[in-house]
PDB file of N, CA and C in Angstrom:
ATOM      1  N   UNK A   1       0.845  -1.182   0.000  1.00  0.00           N
ATOM      2  CA  UNK A   1       0.000   0.000   0.000  1.00  0.00           C
ATOM      3  C   UNK A   1       0.889   1.243   0.000  1.00  0.00           C
ATOM      4  N   UNK A   2       0.589   2.169  -0.873  1.00  0.00           N
ATOM      5  CA  UNK A   2       1.350   3.403  -0.990  1.00  0.00           C
ATOM      6  C   UNK A   2       0.587   4.517  -0.296  1.00  0.00           C
ATOM      7  N   UNK A   3       1.271   5.254   0.545  1.00  0.00           N
ATOM      8  CA  UNK A   3       0.648   6.358   1.261  1.00  0.00           C
ATOM      9  C   UNK A   3       0.864   7.656   0.502  1.00  0.00           C
ATOM     10  N   UNK A   4      -0.169   8.450   0.382  1.00  0.00           N
ATOM     11  CA  UNK A   4      -0.042   9.765  -0.252  1.00  0.00           C
ATOM     12  C   UNK A   4       0.103  10.869   0.783  1.00  0.00           C
ATOM     13  N   UNK A   5       0.150  10.510   2.042  1.00  0.00           N
ATOM     14  CA  UNK A   5       0.299  11.497   3.108  1.00  0.00           C
ATOM     15  C   UNK A   5       1.761  11.920   3.215  1.00  0.00           C
ATOM     16  N   UNK A   6       1.986  13.179   3.472  1.00  0.00           N
ATOM     17  CA  UNK A   6       3.334  13.688   3.670  1.00  0.00           C
ATOM     18  C   UNK A   6       3.796  13.373   5.076  1.00  0.00           C
ATOM     19  N   UNK A   7       5.106  13.296   5.237  1.00  0.00           N
ATOM     20  CA  UNK A   7       5.670  13.088   6.566  1.00  0.00           C
ATOM     21  C   UNK A   7       5.475  14.360   7.381  1.00  0.00           C
ATOM     22  N   UNK A   8       5.465  14.250   8.719  1.00  0.00           N
ATOM     23  CA  UNK A   8       5.336  15.459   9.543  1.00  0.00           C
ATOM     24  C   UNK A   8       6.437  16.464   9.213  1.00  0.00           C
ATOM     25  N   UNK A   9       6.117  17.724   9.267  1.00  0.00           N
ATOM     26  CA  UNK A   9       7.037  18.837   8.990  1.00  0.00           C
ATOM     27  C   UNK A   9       7.469  18.894   7.530  1.00  0.00           C
ATOM     28  N   UNK A  10       6.731  18.256   6.637  1.00  0.00           N
ATOM     29  CA  UNK A  10       7.010  18.343   5.211  1.00  0.00           C
ATOM     30  C   UNK A  10       5.865  19.039   4.515  1.00  0.00           C
ATOM     31  N   UNK A  11       6.195  19.760   3.459  1.00  0.00           N
ATOM     32  CA  UNK A  11       5.159  20.404   2.659  1.00  0.00           C
ATOM     33  C   UNK A  11       4.435  19.342   1.839  1.00  0.00           C
ATOM     34  N   UNK A  12       3.152  19.549   1.551  1.00  0.00           N
ATOM     35  CA  UNK A  12       2.447  18.592   0.689  1.00  0.00           C
ATOM     36  C   UNK A  12       3.048  18.580  -0.714  1.00  0.00           C
ATOM     37  N   UNK A  13       3.064  17.396  -1.346  1.00  0.00           N
ATOM     38  CA  UNK A  13       3.616  17.275  -2.685  1.00  0.00           C
ATOM     39  C   UNK A  13       2.688  17.946  -3.695  1.00  0.00           C
ATOM     40  N   UNK A  14       3.281  18.540  -4.741  1.00  0.00           N
ATOM     41  CA  UNK A  14       2.444  19.166  -5.771  1.00  0.00           C
ATOM     42  C   UNK A  14       1.741  18.113  -6.623  1.00  0.00           C
ATOM     43  N   UNK A  15       0.570  18.453  -7.121  1.00  0.00           N
ATOM     44  CA  UNK A  15      -0.126  17.593  -8.072  1.00  0.00           C
ATOM     45  C   UNK A  15       0.622  17.671  -9.403  1.00  0.00           C
ATOM     46  N   UNK A  16       0.246  16.846 -10.357  1.00  0.00           N
ATOM     47  CA  UNK A  16       0.909  16.864 -11.659  1.00  0.00           C
ATOM     48  C   UNK A  16       0.737  18.224 -12.346  1.00  0.00           C
ATOM     49  N   UNK A  17      -0.470  18.787 -12.263  1.00  0.00           N
ATOM     50  CA  UNK A  17      -0.709  20.105 -12.862  1.00  0.00           C
ATOM     51  C   UNK A  17       0.125  21.184 -12.179  1.00  0.00           C
ATOM     52  N   UNK A  18       0.197  21.122 -10.842  1.00  0.00           N
ATOM     53  CA  UNK A  18       0.999  22.099 -10.104  1.00  0.00           C
ATOM     54  C   UNK A  18       2.480  21.940 -10.446  1.00  0.00           C
ATOM     55  N   UNK A  19       2.949  20.711 -10.625  1.00  0.00           N
ATOM     56  CA  UNK A  19       4.354  20.478 -10.966  1.00  0.00           C
ATOM     57  C   UNK A  19       4.693  21.116 -12.315  1.00  0.00           C
ATOM     58  N   UNK A  20       3.829  20.941 -13.322  1.00  0.00           N
ATOM     59  CA  UNK A  20       4.049  21.586 -14.621  1.00  0.00           C
ATOM     60  C   UNK A  20       4.055  23.107 -14.477  1.00  0.00           C
ATOM     61  N   UNK A  21       3.148  23.642 -13.661  1.00  0.00           N
ATOM     62  CA  UNK A  21       3.103  25.088 -13.426  1.00  0.00           C
ATOM     63  C   UNK A  21       4.400  25.558 -12.770  1.00  0.00           C
ATOM     64  N   UNK A  22       4.885  24.816 -11.761  1.00  0.00           N
ATOM     65  CA  UNK A  22       6.107  25.209 -11.058  1.00  0.00           C
ATOM     66  C   UNK A  22       7.328  25.158 -11.972  1.00  0.00           C
ATOM     67  N   UNK A  23       7.387  24.177 -12.861  1.00  0.00           N
ATOM     68  CA  UNK A  23       8.499  24.101 -13.810  1.00  0.00           C
ATOM     69  C   UNK A  23       8.480  25.328 -14.727  1.00  0.00           C
ATOM     70  N   UNK A  24       7.298  25.660 -15.246  1.00  0.00           N
ATOM     71  CA  UNK A  24       7.155  26.836 -16.099  1.00  0.00           C
ATOM     72  C   UNK A  24       7.498  28.113 -15.321  1.00  0.00           C
ATOM     73  N   UNK A  25       7.017  28.198 -14.084  1.00  0.00           N
ATOM     74  CA  UNK A  25       7.286  29.381 -13.254  1.00  0.00           C
ATOM     75  C   UNK A  25       8.769  29.523 -12.961  1.00  0.00           C
ATOM     76  N   UNK A  26       9.457  28.411 -12.705  1.00  0.00           N
ATOM     77  CA  UNK A  26      10.891  28.492 -12.407  1.00  0.00           C
ATOM     78  C   UNK A  26      11.660  29.017 -13.613  1.00  0.00           C
ATOM     79  N   UNK A  27      11.262  28.605 -14.819  1.00  0.00           N
ATOM     80  CA  UNK A  27      11.920  29.128 -16.026  1.00  0.00           C
ATOM     81  C   UNK A  27      11.665  30.620 -16.175  1.00  0.00           C
ATOM     82  N   UNK A  28      10.418  31.036 -15.964  1.00  0.00           N
ATOM     83  CA  UNK A  28      10.096  32.467 -16.085  1.00  0.00           C
ATOM     84  C   UNK A  28      10.850  33.288 -15.051  1.00  0.00           C
ATOM     85  N   UNK A  29      10.980  32.743 -13.845  1.00  0.00           N
ATOM     86  CA  UNK A  29      11.675  33.471 -12.787  1.00  0.00           C
ATOM     87  C   UNK A  29      13.175  33.531 -13.056  1.00  0.00           C
ATOM     88  N   UNK A  30      13.769  32.412 -13.502  1.00  0.00           N
ATOM     89  CA  UNK A  30      15.213  32.356 -13.727  1.00  0.00           C
ATOM     90  C   UNK A  30      15.618  33.138 -14.968  1.00  0.00           C
ATOM     91  N   UNK A  31      14.892  32.995 -16.062  1.00  0.00           N
ATOM     92  CA  UNK A  31      15.295  33.590 -17.337  1.00  0.00           C
ATOM     93  C   UNK A  31      14.814  35.018 -17.509  1.00  0.00           C
ATOM     94  N   UNK A  32      13.631  35.347 -16.980  1.00  0.00           N
ATOM     95  CA  UNK A  32      13.048  36.670 -17.232  1.00  0.00           C
ATOM     96  C   UNK A  32      12.900  37.524 -15.978  1.00  0.00           C
ATOM     97  N   UNK A  33      13.163  36.960 -14.817  1.00  0.00           N
ATOM     98  CA  UNK A  33      13.059  37.717 -13.580  1.00  0.00           C
ATOM     99  C   UNK A  33      11.638  38.074 -13.171  1.00  0.00           C
ATOM    100  N   UNK A  34      10.667  37.323 -13.677  1.00  0.00           N
ATOM    101  CA  UNK A  34       9.260  37.607 -13.368  1.00  0.00           C
ATOM    102  C   UNK A  34       8.913  37.136 -11.954  1.00  0.00           C
ATOM    103  N   UNK A  35       8.003  37.845 -11.313  1.00  0.00           N
ATOM    104  CA  UNK A  35       7.418  37.383 -10.061  1.00  0.00           C
ATOM    105  C   UNK A  35       6.190  36.555 -10.409  1.00  0.00           C
ATOM    106  N   UNK A  36       6.096  35.357  -9.835  1.00  0.00           N
ATOM    107  CA  UNK A  36       5.000  34.449 -10.152  1.00  0.00           C
ATOM    108  C   UNK A  36       4.285  34.087  -8.854  1.00  0.00           C
ATOM    109  N   UNK A  37       2.951  34.169  -8.820  1.00  0.00           N
ATOM    110  CA  UNK A  37       2.217  33.803  -7.605  1.00  0.00           C
ATOM    111  C   UNK A  37       2.073  32.287  -7.475  1.00  0.00           C
ATOM    112  N   UNK A  38       1.930  31.839  -6.255  1.00  0.00           N
ATOM    113  CA  UNK A  38       1.732  30.420  -5.947  1.00  0.00           C
ATOM    114  C   UNK A  38       0.380  29.966  -6.499  1.00  0.00           C
ATOM    115  N   UNK A  39       0.323  28.776  -7.125  1.00  0.00           N
ATOM    116  CA  UNK A  39      -0.950  28.305  -7.662  1.00  0.00           C
ATOM    117  C   UNK A  39      -1.952  27.894  -6.582  1.00  0.00           C
ATOM    118  N   UNK A  40      -1.482  27.675  -5.352  1.00  0.00           N
ATOM    119  CA  UNK A  40      -2.385  27.273  -4.268  1.00  0.00           C
ATOM    120  C   UNK A  40      -2.921  28.448  -3.466  1.00  0.00           C
ATOM    121  N   UNK A  41      -2.028  29.353  -3.052  1.00  0.00           N
ATOM    122  CA  UNK A  41      -2.463  30.398  -2.129  1.00  0.00           C
ATOM    123  C   UNK A  41      -2.318  31.820  -2.681  1.00  0.00           C
ATOM    124  N   UNK A  42      -1.578  31.997  -3.768  1.00  0.00           N
ATOM    125  CA  UNK A  42      -1.423  33.316  -4.361  1.00  0.00           C
ATOM    126  C   UNK A  42      -0.266  34.139  -3.813  1.00  0.00           C
ATOM    127  N   UNK A  43       0.446  33.634  -2.797  1.00  0.00           N
ATOM    128  CA  UNK A  43       1.616  34.353  -2.280  1.00  0.00           C
ATOM    129  C   UNK A  43       2.770  34.194  -3.259  1.00  0.00           C
ATOM    130  N   UNK A  44       3.854  34.918  -3.038  1.00  0.00           N
ATOM    131  CA  UNK A  44       5.006  34.876  -3.938  1.00  0.00           C
ATOM    132  C   UNK A  44       5.715  33.524  -3.884  1.00  0.00           C
ATOM    133  N   UNK A  45       6.180  33.085  -5.062  1.00  0.00           N
ATOM    134  CA  UNK A  45       7.038  31.913  -5.133  1.00  0.00           C
ATOM    135  C   UNK A  45       8.485  32.361  -5.003  1.00  0.00           C
ATOM    136  N   UNK A  46       9.329  31.504  -4.447  1.00  0.00           N
ATOM    137  CA  UNK A  46      10.750  31.782  -4.274  1.00  0.00           C
ATOM    138  C   UNK A  46      11.521  30.749  -5.087  1.00  0.00           C
ATOM    139  N   UNK A  47      12.464  31.211  -5.912  1.00  0.00           N
ATOM    140  CA  UNK A  47      13.269  30.326  -6.753  1.00  0.00           C
ATOM    141  C   UNK A  47      14.724  30.434  -6.331  1.00  0.00           C
ATOM    142  N   UNK A  48      15.366  29.274  -6.102  1.00  0.00           N
ATOM    143  CA  UNK A  48      16.786  29.257  -5.717  1.00  0.00           C
ATOM    144  C   UNK A  48      17.519  28.222  -6.560  1.00  0.00           C
ATOM    145  N   UNK A  49      18.712  28.565  -7.017  1.00  0.00           N
ATOM    146  CA  UNK A  49      19.586  27.617  -7.690  1.00  0.00           C
ATOM    147  C   UNK A  49      20.707  27.242  -6.740  1.00  0.00           C
ATOM    148  N   UNK A  50      20.971  25.935  -6.667  1.00  0.00           N
ATOM    149  CA  UNK A  50      22.031  25.427  -5.807  1.00  0.00           C
ATOM    150  C   UNK A  50      22.853  24.464  -6.654  1.00  0.00           C
ATOM    151  N   UNK A  51      23.994  24.908  -7.143  1.00  0.00           N
ATOM    152  CA  UNK A  51      24.847  24.116  -8.024  1.00  0.00           C
ATOM    153  C   UNK A  51      24.043  23.690  -9.254  1.00  0.00           C
ATOM    154  N   UNK A  52      23.826  22.385  -9.462  1.00  0.00           N
ATOM    155  CA  UNK A  52      23.048  21.921 -10.616  1.00  0.00           C
ATOM    156  C   UNK A  52      21.601  21.625 -10.242  1.00  0.00           C
ATOM    157  N   UNK A  53      21.186  22.022  -9.063  1.00  0.00           N
ATOM    158  CA  UNK A  53      19.820  21.803  -8.601  1.00  0.00           C
ATOM    159  C   UNK A  53      19.090  23.131  -8.478  1.00  0.00           C
ATOM    160  N   UNK A  54      17.772  23.053  -8.415  1.00  0.00           N
ATOM    161  CA  UNK A  54      16.972  24.253  -8.169  1.00  0.00           C
ATOM    162  C   UNK A  54      15.780  23.889  -7.291  1.00  0.00           C
ATOM    163  N   UNK A  55      15.335  24.868  -6.537  1.00  0.00           N
ATOM    164  CA  UNK A  55      14.183  24.698  -5.656  1.00  0.00           C
ATOM    165  C   UNK A  55      13.232  25.848  -5.922  1.00  0.00           C
ATOM    166  N   UNK A  56      11.964  25.528  -6.068  1.00  0.00           N
ATOM    167  CA  UNK A  56      10.940  26.558  -6.166  1.00  0.00           C
ATOM    168  C   UNK A  56       9.914  26.247  -5.081  1.00  0.00           C
ATOM    169  N   UNK A  57       9.616  27.260  -4.267  1.00  0.00           N
ATOM    170  CA  UNK A  57       8.710  27.043  -3.143  1.00  0.00           C
ATOM    171  C   UNK A  57       7.910  28.300  -2.855  1.00  0.00           C
ATOM    172  N   UNK A  58       6.799  28.113  -2.181  1.00  0.00           N
ATOM    173  CA  UNK A  58       5.958  29.229  -1.776  1.00  0.00           C
ATOM    174  C   UNK A  58       6.589  29.926  -0.580  1.00  0.00           C
ATOM    175  N   UNK A  59       6.355  31.202  -0.450  1.00  0.00           N
ATOM    176  CA  UNK A  59       6.874  31.938   0.703  1.00  0.00           C
ATOM    177  C   UNK A  59       6.173  31.512   1.990  1.00  0.00           C
ATOM    178  N   UNK A  60       5.008  30.877   1.884  1.00  0.00           N
ATOM    179  CA  UNK A  60       4.313  30.306   3.030  1.00  0.00           C
ATOM    180  C   UNK A  60       4.938  28.938   3.323  1.00  0.00           C
ATOM    181  N   UNK A  61       5.504  28.761   4.504  1.00  0.00           N
ATOM    182  CA  UNK A  61       6.250  27.548   4.835  1.00  0.00           C
ATOM    183  C   UNK A  61       5.415  26.276   4.845  1.00  0.00           C
ATOM    184  N   UNK A  62       4.093  26.385   4.854  1.00  0.00           N
ATOM    185  CA  UNK A  62       3.256  25.199   4.899  1.00  0.00           C
ATOM    186  C   UNK A  62       2.573  24.927   3.558  1.00  0.00           C
ATOM    187  N   UNK A  63       2.982  25.624   2.525  1.00  0.00           N
ATOM    188  CA  UNK A  63       2.331  25.471   1.219  1.00  0.00           C
ATOM    189  C   UNK A  63       3.140  24.525   0.335  1.00  0.00           C
ATOM    190  N   UNK A  64       3.432  24.897  -0.883  1.00  0.00           N
ATOM    191  CA  UNK A  64       3.985  24.010  -1.907  1.00  0.00           C
ATOM    192  C   UNK A  64       5.501  24.194  -2.072  1.00  0.00           C
ATOM    193  N   UNK A  65       6.179  23.116  -2.475  1.00  0.00           N
ATOM    194  CA  UNK A  65       7.606  23.158  -2.728  1.00  0.00           C
ATOM    195  C   UNK A  65       7.975  22.052  -3.704  1.00  0.00           C
ATOM    196  N   UNK A  66       8.969  22.328  -4.561  1.00  0.00           N
ATOM    197  CA  UNK A  66       9.434  21.307  -5.488  1.00  0.00           C
ATOM    198  C   UNK A  66      10.908  21.537  -5.782  1.00  0.00           C
ATOM    199  N   UNK A  67      11.681  20.452  -5.804  1.00  0.00           N
ATOM    200  CA  UNK A  67      13.096  20.518  -6.119  1.00  0.00           C
ATOM    201  C   UNK A  67      13.359  19.773  -7.415  1.00  0.00           C
ATOM    202  N   UNK A  68      14.277  20.295  -8.214  1.00  0.00           N
ATOM    203  CA  UNK A  68      14.689  19.650  -9.466  1.00  0.00           C
ATOM    204  C   UNK A  68      16.202  19.500  -9.447  1.00  0.00           C
ATOM    205  N   UNK A  69      16.656  18.321  -9.837  1.00  0.00           N
ATOM    206  CA  UNK A  69      18.091  18.080  -9.892  1.00  0.00           C
ATOM    207  C   UNK A  69      18.475  17.726 -11.310  1.00  0.00           C
ATOM    208  N   UNK A  70      19.663  18.123 -11.704  1.00  0.00           N
ATOM    209  CA  UNK A  70      20.124  17.825 -13.042  1.00  0.00           C
ATOM    210  C   UNK A  70      21.616  17.973 -13.152  1.00  0.00           C
ATOM    211  N   UNK A  71      22.130  17.447 -14.209  1.00  0.00           N
ATOM    212  CA  UNK A  71      23.568  17.550 -14.442  1.00  0.00           C
ATOM    213  C   UNK A  71      23.779  18.294 -15.735  1.00  0.00           C
TER     214      UNK A  71
END
């Protein structure tokens, strides 16, 4: 049985639609410097690059977050 519940102190995982939105938003933020609102709550999204990885998350600590890794 697979659990869809998040572990305590973790943000809920994005849905497939939200994940596509976050990928698009991260490109707009990184390449064009646009401010993009969170698809769940409307607050600002925060984009960070860490070496070959990137993280995009809502400014609300209990909302959405997604990390992408690449080489």
